[in-house]
Amino acid sequence: MDTTDFIARLRAQLGGPRDGALLRFSLGNALLGHGDAVGAAAAFREAVAFDATYSAAWKMLGRALTAAGDTAGAIAAYERGIEVAHARGDEQARKEMSVFLKRLASTHD
């Protein structure tokens, strides 16, 4: 199955009984892998709207926003994601986002 078909299958499930943070996260990953950073960012925003404590979705939102050229948005996503990861005890995600944030902040100044 190619990426376009996979994306179409994920989109077909939106609004259905399986819709939620994981579906939106999966769609965002597929879109980002397909080169659609803007669409991926929208899907990751929807994932964190479903579950604001989903640290992996915050991390990927930051990555998608970076790829889309929205450095300020990516910084904000990573900052929020770090808070969420810390609160959940998800130290690996917190560390990763901290590294990404430092890299962005150094190029954004």
Protein backbone atom coordinates (compact mmCIF):
# COMPACT_ATOMS: atom_id res chain seq x y z
CA MET A 1 0.00 0.00 0.00
CA ASP A 2 1.45 3.37 -0.92
CA THR A 3 1.44 6.42 1.34
CA THR A 4 -1.38 8.12 -0.54
CA ASP A 5 -3.69 5.13 -0.02
CA PHE A 6 -2.72 4.93 3.65
CA ILE A 7 -3.46 8.62 4.15
CA ALA A 8 -6.83 8.19 2.41
CA ARG A 9 -7.68 5.24 4.67
CA LEU A 10 -6.79 7.24 7.77
CA ARG A 11 -8.82 10.24 6.60
CA ALA A 12 -11.81 7.98 5.95
CA GLN A 13 -11.85 7.15 9.68
CA LEU A 14 -11.95 10.79 10.83
CA GLY A 15 -15.15 11.57 12.69
CA GLY A 16 -15.92 7.88 13.16
CA PRO A 17 -15.87 5.69 16.25
CA ARG A 18 -12.08 5.18 16.03
CA ASP A 19 -11.32 8.89 15.78
CA GLY A 20 -9.10 10.27 18.48
CA ALA A 21 -5.59 11.32 19.36
CA LEU A 22 -3.94 8.15 18.03
CA LEU A 23 -5.69 8.35 14.66
CA ARG A 24 -4.78 12.03 14.27
CA PHE A 25 -1.20 11.25 15.36
CA SER A 26 -0.98 8.46 12.77
CA LEU A 27 -2.35 10.76 10.08
CA GLY A 28 0.17 13.44 11.03
CA ASN A 29 3.05 10.97 10.78
CA ALA A 30 1.86 9.77 7.39
CA LEU A 31 1.46 13.32 6.09
CA LEU A 32 4.86 14.38 7.40
CA GLY A 33 6.45 11.34 5.77
CA HIS A 34 4.68 12.27 2.54
CA GLY A 35 6.15 15.79 2.66
CA ASP A 36 3.01 17.64 3.77
CA ALA A 37 4.34 19.46 6.84
CA VAL A 38 1.41 21.89 7.00
CA GLY A 39 -1.17 19.09 6.85
CA ALA A 40 0.85 17.12 9.40
CA ALA A 41 0.93 20.08 11.78
CA ALA A 42 -2.85 20.37 11.53
CA ALA A 43 -3.26 16.66 12.33
CA PHE A 44 -0.88 16.88 15.30
CA ARG A 45 -2.77 19.94 16.60
CA GLU A 46 -5.95 17.87 16.43
CA ALA A 47 -4.20 15.01 18.27
CA VAL A 48 -3.26 17.28 21.17
CA ALA A 49 -6.77 18.76 21.14
CA PHE A 50 -8.06 15.22 21.78
CA ASP A 51 -5.37 14.53 24.40
CA ALA A 52 -3.35 17.50 25.68
CA THR A 53 -1.10 15.08 27.61
CA TYR A 54 0.10 13.23 24.48
CA SER A 55 3.78 14.18 24.65
CA ALA A 56 4.72 12.35 21.44
CA ALA A 57 2.13 14.42 19.55
CA TRP A 58 3.61 17.64 20.96
CA LYS A 59 7.06 16.51 19.82
CA MET A 60 5.84 15.71 16.33
CA LEU A 61 3.86 18.97 16.18
CA GLY A 62 7.11 20.81 16.84
CA ARG A 63 8.85 18.79 14.14
CA ALA A 64 6.08 19.44 11.60
CA LEU A 65 6.00 23.16 12.37
CA THR A 66 9.77 23.31 11.98
CA ALA A 67 9.49 21.60 8.59
CA ALA A 68 6.71 24.04 7.62
CA GLY A 69 8.96 27.00 8.47
CA ASP A 70 6.96 28.11 11.53
CA THR A 71 9.85 28.41 13.99
CA ALA A 72 7.90 30.41 16.56
CA GLY A 73 5.07 27.87 16.49
CA ALA A 74 7.55 25.00 16.80
CA ILE A 75 9.21 26.64 19.80
CA ALA A 76 5.82 27.06 21.47
CA ALA A 77 4.90 23.42 20.73
CA TYR A 78 8.18 22.13 22.14
CA GLU A 79 7.84 24.31 25.25
CA ARG A 80 4.34 22.97 25.89
CA GLY A 81 5.45 19.44 25.06
CA ILE A 82 8.31 19.65 27.55
CA GLU A 83 5.86 20.71 30.28
CA VAL A 84 3.52 17.83 29.39
CA ALA A 85 6.32 15.27 29.22
CA HIS A 86 7.71 16.42 32.56
CA ALA A 87 4.28 16.19 34.21
CA ARG A 88 3.81 12.66 32.82
CA GLY A 89 7.30 11.52 33.76
CA ASP A 90 8.13 10.95 30.09
CA GLU A 91 11.79 11.88 30.44
CA GLN A 92 12.91 10.61 27.03
CA ALA A 93 10.40 12.81 25.20
CA ARG A 94 11.29 15.75 27.47
CA LYS A 95 14.99 15.35 26.70
CA GLU A 96 14.42 15.05 22.96
CA MET A 97 12.19 18.13 22.84
CA SER A 98 14.68 20.07 24.96
CA VAL A 99 17.41 19.34 22.41
CA PHE A 100 15.15 20.34 19.50
CA LEU A 101 14.12 23.50 21.35
CA LYS A 102 17.73 24.52 22.02
CA ARG A 103 18.60 24.04 18.35
CA LEU A 104 15.64 26.14 17.23
CA ALA A 105 16.21 28.85 19.80
CA SER A 106 19.86 29.20 18.75
CA THR A 107 18.86 29.70 15.10
CA HIS A 108 15.82 31.85 15.90
CA ASP A 109 17.67 34.58 17.84
